[in-house]
Amino acid sequence: MYKIFVGDKPIILTTVAEEETNFKNYLLKNVNMSKVIKKLNKTELSEVRLIHKNPKKILKKFLKKLPNVVAGGGKVYNANGDILFIYRNDKWDLPKGKTEKKESIEQTSIREVEEETGVKGLEIVKQLDTTYHIFKRNGTYKIKVTYWFEMKTTYDGKLKAQQNEGITKVAWLNEELTKEALKNSYANIKLLV
């Protein structure tokens, strides 16, 4: 099962059609994505479920429905076990960004964390779950596919928000501050943290 977020509401990819309560079922094969997104945005539905019989092909079939934007990001820990957060668009987020030509997803993730936060000396520890969310750019809905990596660093220098990307704050948050920040974050980030 996969979750693709439209704002904080999920589109769930599944092989099982259940009786509808506060959600709506659609067959993935012939779904109109624009109508589904509008329904999620403008109604009280808590989620939409897209059904396809083959669990191995369901994600691939879904990703063909809209243009894809590939990004990489990091959940970065410092020596104290604090997590690196950015503040953009009035929400706490983790640093991430789009891939550039001939760049591996790992290179993208490290470059984007460095650019958005000023943190250096990043080391990838392991790959985390990939997240998916739908956004609208220039009148077109797109799916952002973000590959996440857990990283560590011993960097203790100055944090520098990449303001031309709309980032207004960068901070190392301890466990208590992280819980508070997640109250004003995105559904995908809550799943990762």
N, C-alpha and C. Protein backbone atom coordinates (compact mmCIF):
# COMPACT_ATOMS: atom_id res chain seq x y z
N MET A 1 0.84 -1.18 0.00
CA MET A 1 0.00 0.00 0.00
C MET A 1 0.89 1.25 0.00
N TYR A 2 0.53 2.20 -0.83
CA TYR A 2 1.26 3.46 -0.93
C TYR A 2 0.32 4.60 -0.58
N LYS A 3 0.90 5.68 -0.01
CA LYS A 3 0.12 6.90 0.27
C LYS A 3 0.74 8.04 -0.51
N ILE A 4 -0.08 8.73 -1.28
CA ILE A 4 0.33 9.92 -2.01
C ILE A 4 -0.50 11.06 -1.46
N PHE A 5 0.14 12.10 -0.96
CA PHE A 5 -0.61 13.16 -0.29
C PHE A 5 -0.97 14.31 -1.22
N VAL A 6 -2.21 14.78 -1.05
CA VAL A 6 -2.69 16.02 -1.64
C VAL A 6 -2.96 16.90 -0.43
N GLY A 7 -2.05 17.82 -0.14
CA GLY A 7 -2.11 18.52 1.14
C GLY A 7 -1.88 17.48 2.23
N ASP A 8 -2.77 17.40 3.19
CA ASP A 8 -2.64 16.39 4.25
C ASP A 8 -3.59 15.21 4.07
N LYS A 9 -4.26 15.16 2.92
CA LYS A 9 -5.18 14.05 2.66
C LYS A 9 -4.51 13.03 1.72
N PRO A 10 -4.61 11.75 2.07
CA PRO A 10 -3.93 10.75 1.23
C PRO A 10 -4.80 10.17 0.11
N ILE A 11 -4.09 9.86 -0.98
CA ILE A 11 -4.61 8.96 -2.00
C ILE A 11 -3.91 7.65 -1.70
N ILE A 12 -4.70 6.62 -1.44
CA ILE A 12 -4.12 5.32 -1.07
C ILE A 12 -4.22 4.38 -2.26
N LEU A 13 -3.07 3.81 -2.63
CA LEU A 13 -3.04 2.81 -3.69
C LEU A 13 -3.19 1.45 -3.04
N THR A 14 -4.20 0.71 -3.48
CA THR A 14 -4.50 -0.57 -2.82
C THR A 14 -5.07 -1.57 -3.82
N THR A 15 -5.07 -2.83 -3.43
CA THR A 15 -5.67 -3.89 -4.25
C THR A 15 -7.05 -4.28 -3.73
N VAL A 16 -7.45 -3.68 -2.61
CA VAL A 16 -8.69 -4.09 -1.95
C VAL A 16 -9.73 -2.97 -2.00
N ALA A 17 -10.88 -3.27 -2.53
CA ALA A 17 -12.00 -2.32 -2.51
C ALA A 17 -12.82 -2.58 -1.26
N GLU A 18 -12.90 -1.59 -0.40
CA GLU A 18 -13.70 -1.72 0.82
C GLU A 18 -14.94 -0.86 0.70
N GLU A 19 -15.91 -1.15 1.55
CA GLU A 19 -17.14 -0.36 1.54
C GLU A 19 -16.80 1.09 1.92
N GLU A 20 -17.29 2.02 1.12
CA GLU A 20 -16.98 3.43 1.33
C GLU A 20 -17.67 3.97 2.57
N THR A 21 -16.91 4.69 3.38
CA THR A 21 -17.47 5.40 4.53
C THR A 21 -17.12 6.88 4.34
N ASN A 22 -15.97 7.31 4.88
CA ASN A 22 -15.53 8.69 4.70
C ASN A 22 -14.47 8.80 3.59
N PHE A 23 -14.44 7.82 2.71
CA PHE A 23 -13.51 7.81 1.58
C PHE A 23 -14.25 7.34 0.33
N LYS A 24 -13.58 7.48 -0.82
CA LYS A 24 -14.17 7.08 -2.08
C LYS A 24 -13.21 6.15 -2.81
N ASN A 25 -13.74 5.09 -3.43
CA ASN A 25 -12.95 4.15 -4.24
C ASN A 25 -13.03 4.53 -5.72
N TYR A 26 -11.92 4.39 -6.41
CA TYR A 26 -11.87 4.54 -7.86
C TYR A 26 -10.98 3.45 -8.42
N LEU A 27 -11.27 3.02 -9.65
CA LEU A 27 -10.37 2.09 -10.32
C LEU A 27 -9.22 2.91 -10.90
N LEU A 28 -8.01 2.49 -10.60
CA LEU A 28 -6.82 3.22 -11.05
C LEU A 28 -6.77 3.33 -12.57
N LYS A 29 -7.19 2.26 -13.23
CA LYS A 29 -7.05 2.18 -14.69
C LYS A 29 -7.69 3.36 -15.42
N ASN A 30 -8.90 3.77 -14.98
CA ASN A 30 -9.59 4.82 -15.73
C ASN A 30 -9.95 6.04 -14.87
N VAL A 31 -9.16 6.32 -13.85
CA VAL A 31 -9.45 7.44 -12.96
C VAL A 31 -9.03 8.76 -13.61
N ASN A 32 -9.81 9.80 -13.35
CA ASN A 32 -9.47 11.16 -13.77
C ASN A 32 -8.82 11.84 -12.57
N MET A 33 -7.50 12.01 -12.63
CA MET A 33 -6.76 12.51 -11.47
C MET A 33 -7.18 13.93 -11.08
N SER A 34 -7.45 14.79 -12.05
CA SER A 34 -7.86 16.16 -11.73
C SER A 34 -9.14 16.17 -10.91
N LYS A 35 -10.10 15.32 -11.29
CA LYS A 35 -11.36 15.24 -10.55
C LYS A 35 -11.14 14.70 -9.14
N VAL A 36 -10.28 13.69 -9.00
CA VAL A 36 -9.98 13.12 -7.69
C VAL A 36 -9.33 14.16 -6.78
N ILE A 37 -8.38 14.90 -7.31
CA ILE A 37 -7.67 15.92 -6.52
C ILE A 37 -8.65 17.00 -6.09
N LYS A 38 -9.50 17.45 -7.00
CA LYS A 38 -10.49 18.48 -6.66
C LYS A 38 -11.46 17.97 -5.59
N LYS A 39 -11.88 16.71 -5.73
CA LYS A 39 -12.80 16.12 -4.74
C LYS A 39 -12.16 16.09 -3.35
N LEU A 40 -10.88 15.71 -3.29
CA LEU A 40 -10.17 15.69 -2.01
C LEU A 40 -10.06 17.10 -1.43
N ASN A 41 -9.76 18.07 -2.28
CA ASN A 41 -9.56 19.45 -1.82
C ASN A 41 -10.85 20.15 -1.41
N LYS A 42 -11.96 19.80 -2.04
CA LYS A 42 -13.19 20.59 -1.86
C LYS A 42 -14.31 19.88 -1.10
N THR A 43 -14.05 18.66 -0.61
CA THR A 43 -15.09 17.94 0.12
C THR A 43 -14.58 17.50 1.49
N GLU A 44 -15.46 16.86 2.24
CA GLU A 44 -15.10 16.37 3.57
C GLU A 44 -14.45 14.98 3.54
N LEU A 45 -14.24 14.42 2.35
CA LEU A 45 -13.60 13.11 2.26
C LEU A 45 -12.27 13.14 3.00
N SER A 46 -11.97 12.07 3.73
CA SER A 46 -10.69 12.01 4.43
C SER A 46 -9.60 11.41 3.56
N GLU A 47 -10.00 10.62 2.54
CA GLU A 47 -9.03 10.01 1.64
C GLU A 47 -9.73 9.49 0.40
N VAL A 48 -8.91 9.14 -0.59
CA VAL A 48 -9.38 8.48 -1.81
C VAL A 48 -8.56 7.21 -1.96
N ARG A 49 -9.20 6.16 -2.41
CA ARG A 49 -8.48 4.90 -2.64
C ARG A 49 -8.54 4.55 -4.12
N LEU A 50 -7.38 4.31 -4.70
CA LEU A 50 -7.28 3.89 -6.09
C LEU A 50 -6.96 2.40 -6.10
N ILE A 51 -7.80 1.65 -6.78
CA ILE A 51 -7.70 0.19 -6.73
C ILE A 51 -7.14 -0.36 -8.04
N HIS A 52 -6.19 -1.29 -7.88
CA HIS A 52 -5.60 -1.99 -9.02
C HIS A 52 -5.31 -3.42 -8.57
N LYS A 53 -5.53 -4.36 -9.45
CA LYS A 53 -5.42 -5.78 -9.04
C LYS A 53 -3.99 -6.25 -8.78
N ASN A 54 -3.00 -5.62 -9.41
CA ASN A 54 -1.63 -6.11 -9.30
C ASN A 54 -0.79 -5.23 -8.36
N PRO A 55 -0.46 -5.73 -7.16
CA PRO A 55 0.28 -4.91 -6.20
C PRO A 55 1.69 -4.54 -6.69
N LYS A 56 2.27 -5.37 -7.57
CA LYS A 56 3.62 -5.08 -8.06
C LYS A 56 3.63 -3.95 -9.10
N LYS A 57 2.50 -3.71 -9.75
CA LYS A 57 2.45 -2.70 -10.81
C LYS A 57 1.70 -1.44 -10.41
N ILE A 58 1.10 -1.44 -9.23
CA ILE A 58 0.19 -0.36 -8.85
C ILE A 58 0.90 1.01 -8.82
N LEU A 59 2.10 1.08 -8.24
CA LEU A 59 2.79 2.36 -8.13
C LEU A 59 3.22 2.85 -9.52
N LYS A 60 3.77 1.96 -10.31
CA LYS A 60 4.22 2.32 -11.66
C LYS A 60 3.06 2.86 -12.50
N LYS A 61 1.91 2.20 -12.41
CA LYS A 61 0.71 2.64 -13.16
C LYS A 61 0.25 4.02 -12.67
N PHE A 62 0.29 4.22 -11.35
CA PHE A 62 -0.13 5.50 -10.80
C PHE A 62 0.79 6.63 -11.25
N LEU A 63 2.10 6.39 -11.21
CA LEU A 63 3.07 7.44 -11.54
C LEU A 63 2.97 7.89 -13.00
N LYS A 64 2.31 7.08 -13.84
CA LYS A 64 2.11 7.46 -15.24
C LYS A 64 0.94 8.44 -15.41
N LYS A 65 0.16 8.62 -14.34
CA LYS A 65 -1.04 9.46 -14.42
C LYS A 65 -0.73 10.96 -14.47
N LEU A 66 0.41 11.37 -13.91
CA LEU A 66 0.79 12.79 -13.85
C LEU A 66 2.29 12.91 -14.08
N PRO A 67 2.76 14.10 -14.52
CA PRO A 67 4.21 14.30 -14.65
C PRO A 67 4.89 14.13 -13.29
N ASN A 68 6.08 13.55 -13.31
CA ASN A 68 6.84 13.30 -12.08
C ASN A 68 7.97 14.31 -11.92
N VAL A 69 8.20 14.75 -10.68
CA VAL A 69 9.34 15.57 -10.32
C VAL A 69 10.12 14.77 -9.29
N VAL A 70 11.39 14.47 -9.59
CA VAL A 70 12.19 13.65 -8.69
C VAL A 70 13.05 14.54 -7.81
N ALA A 71 13.03 14.26 -6.51
CA ALA A 71 13.78 15.06 -5.54
C ALA A 71 14.48 14.14 -4.54
N GLY A 72 15.45 14.72 -3.84
CA GLY A 72 16.16 14.00 -2.78
C GLY A 72 16.25 14.88 -1.56
N GLY A 73 16.25 14.26 -0.39
CA GLY A 73 16.32 15.05 0.84
C GLY A 73 16.94 14.27 1.97
N GLY A 74 17.11 14.97 3.09
CA GLY A 74 17.78 14.35 4.23
C GLY A 74 17.11 14.60 5.56
N LYS A 75 17.10 13.54 6.35
CA LYS A 75 16.76 13.64 7.77
C LYS A 75 18.12 13.56 8.47
N VAL A 76 18.62 14.73 8.86
CA VAL A 76 20.00 14.84 9.31
C VAL A 76 20.08 14.94 10.83
N TYR A 77 20.96 14.13 11.41
CA TYR A 77 21.21 14.16 12.85
C TYR A 77 22.59 14.77 13.12
N ASN A 78 22.68 15.57 14.18
CA ASN A 78 23.99 16.06 14.61
C ASN A 78 24.52 15.16 15.73
N ALA A 79 25.66 15.54 16.29
CA ALA A 79 26.30 14.72 17.33
C ALA A 79 25.44 14.59 18.58
N ASN A 80 24.51 15.54 18.80
CA ASN A 80 23.63 15.48 19.97
C ASN A 80 22.35 14.70 19.71
N GLY A 81 22.17 14.21 18.48
CA GLY A 81 20.94 13.49 18.15
C GLY A 81 19.78 14.40 17.77
N ASP A 82 20.07 15.70 17.56
CA ASP A 82 19.04 16.64 17.11
C ASP A 82 18.81 16.47 15.61
N ILE A 83 17.62 16.84 15.14
CA ILE A 83 17.27 16.72 13.73
C ILE A 83 17.27 18.11 13.09
N LEU A 84 17.81 18.20 11.88
CA LEU A 84 17.90 19.45 11.13
C LEU A 84 16.58 19.74 10.42
N PHE A 85 15.96 20.87 10.75
CA PHE A 85 14.69 21.27 10.13
C PHE A 85 14.86 22.61 9.42
N ILE A 86 14.03 22.83 8.40
CA ILE A 86 13.92 24.14 7.77
C ILE A 86 12.49 24.62 7.97
N TYR A 87 12.31 25.95 7.90
CA TYR A 87 10.99 26.54 8.02
C TYR A 87 10.71 27.29 6.72
N ARG A 88 9.70 26.83 5.98
CA ARG A 88 9.36 27.41 4.68
C ARG A 88 7.84 27.36 4.52
N ASN A 89 7.28 28.40 3.91
CA ASN A 89 5.83 28.47 3.68
C ASN A 89 5.04 28.26 4.98
N ASP A 90 5.54 28.82 6.07
CA ASP A 90 4.88 28.75 7.38
C ASP A 90 4.74 27.34 7.92
N LYS A 91 5.63 26.43 7.50
CA LYS A 91 5.62 25.06 8.01
C LYS A 91 7.04 24.57 8.22
N TRP A 92 7.19 23.67 9.20
CA TRP A 92 8.48 23.00 9.41
C TRP A 92 8.60 21.85 8.41
N ASP A 93 9.78 21.70 7.86
CA ASP A 93 10.01 20.72 6.81
C ASP A 93 11.44 20.20 6.95
N LEU A 94 11.75 19.16 6.20
CA LEU A 94 13.12 18.67 6.10
C LEU A 94 13.70 19.17 4.78
N PRO A 95 15.01 19.43 4.72
CA PRO A 95 15.60 19.94 3.49
C PRO A 95 15.55 18.90 2.36
N LYS A 96 15.17 19.40 1.17
CA LYS A 96 15.07 18.53 -0.01
C LYS A 96 15.03 19.40 -1.26
N GLY A 97 15.24 18.76 -2.41
CA GLY A 97 15.14 19.51 -3.66
C GLY A 97 15.28 18.61 -4.87
N LYS A 98 15.06 19.22 -6.04
CA LYS A 98 15.03 18.48 -7.30
C LYS A 98 16.43 18.06 -7.75
N THR A 99 16.47 16.94 -8.46
CA THR A 99 17.72 16.45 -9.01
C THR A 99 18.15 17.33 -10.18
N GLU A 100 19.46 17.37 -10.38
CA GLU A 100 20.03 18.06 -11.54
C GLU A 100 20.62 17.01 -12.46
N LYS A 101 20.88 17.40 -13.70
CA LYS A 101 21.38 16.47 -14.72
C LYS A 101 22.61 15.70 -14.24
N LYS A 102 22.63 14.42 -14.56
CA LYS A 102 23.76 13.51 -14.31
C LYS A 102 24.14 13.42 -12.83
N GLU A 103 23.19 13.66 -11.96
CA GLU A 103 23.43 13.62 -10.52
C GLU A 103 22.72 12.40 -9.95
N SER A 104 23.40 11.64 -9.10
CA SER A 104 22.73 10.52 -8.44
C SER A 104 21.77 11.09 -7.39
N ILE A 105 20.82 10.29 -6.96
CA ILE A 105 19.86 10.76 -5.96
C ILE A 105 20.56 11.04 -4.62
N GLU A 106 21.62 10.29 -4.33
CA GLU A 106 22.39 10.54 -3.12
C GLU A 106 23.10 11.90 -3.21
N GLN A 107 23.70 12.19 -4.38
CA GLN A 107 24.36 13.49 -4.58
C GLN A 107 23.36 14.63 -4.46
N THR A 108 22.17 14.44 -5.06
CA THR A 108 21.11 15.46 -4.96
C THR A 108 20.79 15.73 -3.50
N SER A 109 20.58 14.67 -2.74
CA SER A 109 20.17 14.82 -1.34
C SER A 109 21.19 15.59 -0.54
N ILE A 110 22.47 15.24 -0.69
CA ILE A 110 23.52 15.93 0.05
C ILE A 110 23.63 17.39 -0.42
N ARG A 111 23.61 17.62 -1.72
CA ARG A 111 23.72 18.99 -2.25
C ARG A 111 22.57 19.86 -1.75
N GLU A 112 21.35 19.34 -1.80
CA GLU A 112 20.19 20.12 -1.38
C GLU A 112 20.23 20.46 0.11
N VAL A 113 20.63 19.51 0.94
CA VAL A 113 20.73 19.79 2.39
C VAL A 113 21.78 20.88 2.61
N GLU A 114 22.93 20.77 1.94
CA GLU A 114 23.97 21.79 2.09
C GLU A 114 23.48 23.16 1.64
N GLU A 115 22.84 23.22 0.45
CA GLU A 115 22.38 24.50 -0.10
C GLU A 115 21.30 25.14 0.77
N GLU A 116 20.37 24.34 1.26
CA GLU A 116 19.24 24.90 2.00
C GLU A 116 19.56 25.27 3.45
N THR A 117 20.64 24.67 4.01
CA THR A 117 20.91 24.85 5.45
C THR A 117 22.31 25.35 5.80
N GLY A 118 23.26 25.20 4.87
CA GLY A 118 24.65 25.57 5.17
C GLY A 118 25.42 24.48 5.90
N VAL A 119 24.78 23.35 6.18
CA VAL A 119 25.45 22.26 6.92
C VAL A 119 26.38 21.48 5.98
N LYS A 120 27.59 21.23 6.46
CA LYS A 120 28.62 20.50 5.67
C LYS A 120 28.94 19.17 6.36
N GLY A 121 29.78 18.39 5.70
CA GLY A 121 30.27 17.14 6.29
C GLY A 121 29.19 16.09 6.46
N LEU A 122 28.26 16.05 5.49
CA LEU A 122 27.13 15.11 5.57
C LEU A 122 27.55 13.72 5.14
N GLU A 123 27.08 12.74 5.88
CA GLU A 123 27.34 11.33 5.55
C GLU A 123 26.02 10.57 5.57
N ILE A 124 25.75 9.87 4.47
CA ILE A 124 24.52 9.09 4.40
C ILE A 124 24.67 7.83 5.24
N VAL A 125 23.68 7.59 6.11
CA VAL A 125 23.68 6.43 6.98
C VAL A 125 22.85 5.31 6.34
N LYS A 126 21.65 5.67 5.87
CA LYS A 126 20.78 4.67 5.23
C LYS A 126 19.68 5.38 4.45
N GLN A 127 19.08 4.62 3.54
CA GLN A 127 17.94 5.16 2.79
C GLN A 127 16.67 4.99 3.63
N LEU A 128 15.81 6.01 3.58
CA LEU A 128 14.52 5.98 4.27
C LEU A 128 13.42 5.76 3.25
N ASP A 129 12.18 5.77 3.70
CA ASP A 129 11.05 5.59 2.78
C ASP A 129 11.00 6.73 1.77
N THR A 130 10.53 6.42 0.59
CA THR A 130 10.28 7.41 -0.45
C THR A 130 8.89 7.99 -0.20
N THR A 131 8.75 9.30 -0.36
CA THR A 131 7.44 9.93 -0.16
C THR A 131 6.92 10.48 -1.49
N TYR A 132 5.60 10.65 -1.53
CA TYR A 132 4.93 11.11 -2.75
C TYR A 132 3.90 12.16 -2.36
N HIS A 133 3.91 13.28 -3.08
CA HIS A 133 2.83 14.24 -2.88
C HIS A 133 2.54 14.96 -4.20
N ILE A 134 1.31 15.39 -4.31
CA ILE A 134 0.83 16.05 -5.53
C ILE A 134 0.77 17.55 -5.26
N PHE A 135 1.29 18.31 -6.21
CA PHE A 135 1.25 19.77 -6.11
C PHE A 135 0.88 20.34 -7.48
N LYS A 136 0.53 21.61 -7.50
CA LYS A 136 0.13 22.26 -8.75
C LYS A 136 1.15 23.35 -9.08
N ARG A 137 1.67 23.31 -10.29
CA ARG A 137 2.62 24.32 -10.75
C ARG A 137 2.21 24.76 -12.14
N ASN A 138 2.05 26.06 -12.33
CA ASN A 138 1.64 26.62 -13.62
C ASN A 138 0.39 25.95 -14.18
N GLY A 139 -0.58 25.69 -13.29
CA GLY A 139 -1.85 25.12 -13.72
C GLY A 139 -1.84 23.62 -13.95
N THR A 140 -0.71 22.96 -13.72
CA THR A 140 -0.60 21.52 -13.97
C THR A 140 -0.30 20.77 -12.67
N TYR A 141 -1.06 19.71 -12.41
CA TYR A 141 -0.77 18.85 -11.26
C TYR A 141 0.44 17.98 -11.58
N LYS A 142 1.32 17.82 -10.59
CA LYS A 142 2.50 16.97 -10.73
C LYS A 142 2.67 16.15 -9.46
N ILE A 143 3.40 15.04 -9.60
CA ILE A 143 3.71 14.18 -8.44
C ILE A 143 5.18 14.40 -8.10
N LYS A 144 5.44 14.81 -6.86
CA LYS A 144 6.83 14.90 -6.41
C LYS A 144 7.18 13.58 -5.73
N VAL A 145 8.20 12.93 -6.26
CA VAL A 145 8.72 11.68 -5.72
C VAL A 145 10.01 12.05 -5.00
N THR A 146 10.01 11.96 -3.67
CA THR A 146 11.19 12.36 -2.89
C THR A 146 11.84 11.15 -2.25
N TYR A 147 13.11 10.95 -2.60
CA TYR A 147 13.93 9.89 -2.01
C TYR A 147 14.64 10.49 -0.81
N TRP A 148 14.44 9.87 0.34
CA TRP A 148 14.97 10.40 1.60
C TRP A 148 16.11 9.53 2.12
N PHE A 149 17.07 10.20 2.76
CA PHE A 149 18.19 9.50 3.37
C PHE A 149 18.41 10.01 4.79
N GLU A 150 18.67 9.07 5.68
CA GLU A 150 19.11 9.47 7.01
C GLU A 150 20.58 9.83 6.88
N MET A 151 20.96 10.98 7.45
CA MET A 151 22.34 11.44 7.37
C MET A 151 22.82 11.82 8.76
N LYS A 152 24.15 11.89 8.88
CA LYS A 152 24.74 12.38 10.13
C LYS A 152 25.84 13.36 9.77
N THR A 153 26.12 14.23 10.73
CA THR A 153 27.20 15.20 10.56
C THR A 153 27.72 15.61 11.92
N THR A 154 28.98 16.02 11.94
CA THR A 154 29.55 16.58 13.17
C THR A 154 29.64 18.11 13.03
N TYR A 155 29.08 18.65 11.96
CA TYR A 155 29.10 20.09 11.71
C TYR A 155 28.45 20.84 12.87
N ASP A 156 29.16 21.83 13.38
CA ASP A 156 28.57 22.65 14.44
C ASP A 156 28.73 24.14 14.13
N GLY A 157 28.89 24.44 12.85
CA GLY A 157 29.03 25.82 12.41
C GLY A 157 27.69 26.51 12.29
N LYS A 158 27.73 27.69 11.65
CA LYS A 158 26.55 28.53 11.51
C LYS A 158 25.58 27.92 10.49
N LEU A 159 24.29 27.95 10.83
CA LEU A 159 23.25 27.50 9.91
C LEU A 159 22.87 28.68 9.03
N LYS A 160 22.64 28.40 7.73
CA LYS A 160 22.36 29.48 6.79
C LYS A 160 21.14 29.11 5.94
N ALA A 161 20.02 29.78 6.18
CA ALA A 161 18.77 29.52 5.44
C ALA A 161 18.92 30.01 4.00
N GLN A 162 18.55 29.17 3.04
CA GLN A 162 18.58 29.56 1.63
C GLN A 162 17.32 30.39 1.34
N GLN A 163 17.44 31.69 1.53
CA GLN A 163 16.29 32.58 1.46
C GLN A 163 15.67 32.66 0.07
N ASN A 164 16.47 32.50 -0.98
CA ASN A 164 15.89 32.56 -2.34
C ASN A 164 15.02 31.33 -2.64
N GLU A 165 15.03 30.36 -1.74
CA GLU A 165 14.14 29.20 -1.85
C GLU A 165 12.96 29.33 -0.87
N GLY A 166 12.83 30.50 -0.25
CA GLY A 166 11.71 30.75 0.66
C GLY A 166 11.91 30.21 2.06
N ILE A 167 13.13 29.80 2.37
CA ILE A 167 13.43 29.27 3.71
C ILE A 167 13.74 30.44 4.63
N THR A 168 13.01 30.54 5.72
CA THR A 168 13.20 31.66 6.64
C THR A 168 13.96 31.28 7.90
N LYS A 169 14.01 29.98 8.22
CA LYS A 169 14.72 29.51 9.42
C LYS A 169 15.32 28.14 9.15
N VAL A 170 16.45 27.89 9.81
CA VAL A 170 17.06 26.55 9.85
C VAL A 170 17.38 26.30 11.32
N ALA A 171 17.06 25.12 11.81
CA ALA A 171 17.30 24.85 13.23
C ALA A 171 17.54 23.36 13.49
N TRP A 172 18.40 23.12 14.47
CA TRP A 172 18.54 21.77 15.03
C TRP A 172 17.49 21.64 16.12
N LEU A 173 16.62 20.66 16.01
CA LEU A 173 15.55 20.50 17.01
C LEU A 173 15.76 19.20 17.79
N ASN A 174 15.71 19.33 19.12
CA ASN A 174 15.80 18.14 19.96
C ASN A 174 14.45 17.40 19.92
N GLU A 175 14.35 16.31 20.66
CA GLU A 175 13.15 15.47 20.60
C GLU A 175 11.88 16.25 20.95
N GLU A 176 11.95 17.06 22.00
CA GLU A 176 10.78 17.82 22.43
C GLU A 176 10.38 18.87 21.39
N LEU A 177 11.37 19.60 20.85
CA LEU A 177 11.09 20.62 19.84
C LEU A 177 10.63 20.00 18.52
N THR A 178 11.13 18.81 18.21
CA THR A 178 10.69 18.10 17.01
C THR A 178 9.21 17.76 17.12
N LYS A 179 8.79 17.25 18.28
CA LYS A 179 7.36 16.94 18.48
C LYS A 179 6.50 18.17 18.27
N GLU A 180 6.96 19.30 18.77
CA GLU A 180 6.23 20.56 18.62
C GLU A 180 6.19 21.00 17.15
N ALA A 181 7.32 20.89 16.48
CA ALA A 181 7.41 21.30 15.06
C ALA A 181 6.50 20.43 14.18
N LEU A 182 6.39 19.15 14.50
CA LEU A 182 5.57 18.25 13.68
C LEU A 182 4.09 18.59 13.73
N LYS A 183 3.68 19.36 14.74
CA LYS A 183 2.27 19.80 14.79
C LYS A 183 1.99 20.79 13.66
N ASN A 184 3.05 21.41 13.13
CA ASN A 184 2.93 22.36 12.03
C ASN A 184 3.87 21.94 10.90
N SER A 185 3.62 20.74 10.37
CA SER A 185 4.45 20.18 9.31
C SER A 185 3.56 19.48 8.30
N TYR A 186 4.17 18.76 7.39
CA TYR A 186 3.44 18.04 6.34
C TYR A 186 3.28 16.57 6.71
N ALA A 187 2.23 15.96 6.18
CA ALA A 187 1.94 14.54 6.48
C ALA A 187 3.11 13.65 6.15
N ASN A 188 3.77 13.88 5.00
CA ASN A 188 4.92 13.05 4.61
C ASN A 188 6.06 13.17 5.62
N ILE A 189 6.30 14.37 6.13
CA ILE A 189 7.38 14.58 7.09
C ILE A 189 7.05 13.88 8.40
N LYS A 190 5.80 13.92 8.80
CA LYS A 190 5.37 13.22 10.04
C LYS A 190 5.63 11.73 9.91
N LEU A 191 5.42 11.16 8.72
CA LEU A 191 5.67 9.74 8.50
C LEU A 191 7.17 9.43 8.61
N LEU A 192 8.01 10.33 8.12
CA LEU A 192 9.45 10.10 8.13
C LEU A 192 10.06 10.24 9.51
N VAL A 193 9.53 11.18 10.28
CA VAL A 193 10.13 11.49 11.59
C VAL A 193 9.48 10.65 12.66
